[in-house]
Amino acid sequence: MIYTITLNPAIDRLIFLKGQLEKRKNNRAQKVLYDIGGKGTHASYAISKLGVENLALGFAGIMNLLKFQQVLDDKEIAHQFITTDGSTREAVILIDPENQGSTMVTEPSFTVSAVDKEKLKNYLAVTLTPQDMVLVAGSTPEGFDLIDLAELLQLIKTKGCFLACDLSSEDLKLAIDSGADFIKPNELELRELLSEKETIEEKLNEISAKVAVMIASRGDQGSICYFEGKQYQVIVPEVKEVNDTGAGDCFVGAFLATFYQTSDIEQSLMMASGCAASKVRYEDSCYFNLAEAKELKTKVRIKQQN
């Protein structure tokens, strides 16, 4: 089983503008869509679409719980979130008609209590087995500190699970030091890890010695995967982009689903890249066309470097 943990989920409100976003102007929308938000839930969608059993976990606010659950159900994501006080945050995503990139504004999170945190840890302690894969992804809500995250990651490792983390800043540093088996930092997140005078290449080599599977996004240079002492350069096909929100999460979910089933690094990279390339062609935050993704997968190129 694959479990995804989204500690601070969101409900995405996608607003498609009639024209370019401008300050001091009444920017009009042509349509509005609702979607699920949060890195872990996006990954769960991709995992489910690839036919791999999984369960989305985390916290959800009581005040808009039905709305949150309805979006999850609409996406056919199996879920078991712990209810907490307050509302699950909503993220407003503004998309211009020429598709030159989206603008996101996210509400503050709810605050989780000590009781909420214990419920999550108790569930994992009873449920997880060494055969499971667990993804911890996204930001943390108010009340969930770095020490809480450390305890969560340690619990997962103690249960013998494959631990995947899609985190940033101090949370990413903690994941690396806690023995994460998988991370996927982008270039900005990598730069946040650099010490004075350290290069990205030096940091990548340092981290790859600690993490079993590391995939680093390098912008227009594509991505590089470090696995079992080898480097894999991933070159993806060009596609017309409609909405890039959630593309990285789609990649993570598709990679983990394929790797969970096959343990084949190149097939996992190709499938993940095909799914992410399909995802950016569509309006919402997580949808991709599976048949299209499989076709795009055949156009992904992997260059292995020792």
Foldseek 3Di string as FASTA:
>chain_A
DEEEEFAAWAKEKEFEWPADDDPPDDTDGPDIDIAIGGLRLLLQLLLVVVPHDYEYEYEAEPVCVVVNVVRSVVSVGHYDYHYDHDGRKYKYWYAYPVRPAIDIDIDATDAHDPVRLVVVLVCCLPPDALLYAYEYEDDHHHNCDPVSLLVVLLSCVVRNYQYEYEDAAPSVVSCLVSQHQEYEEEPVRLVSPDDPPDDSVNSVVVSLVRHQWYWYHDPPQGIWIRHPNKIKRKDFDDDDFRYLAQLVSSLVSQLVSCCSVPVDNLLSNLLSRLQSNQVRNDDDRRDGDNVSSVVRSVVMDIDMDD
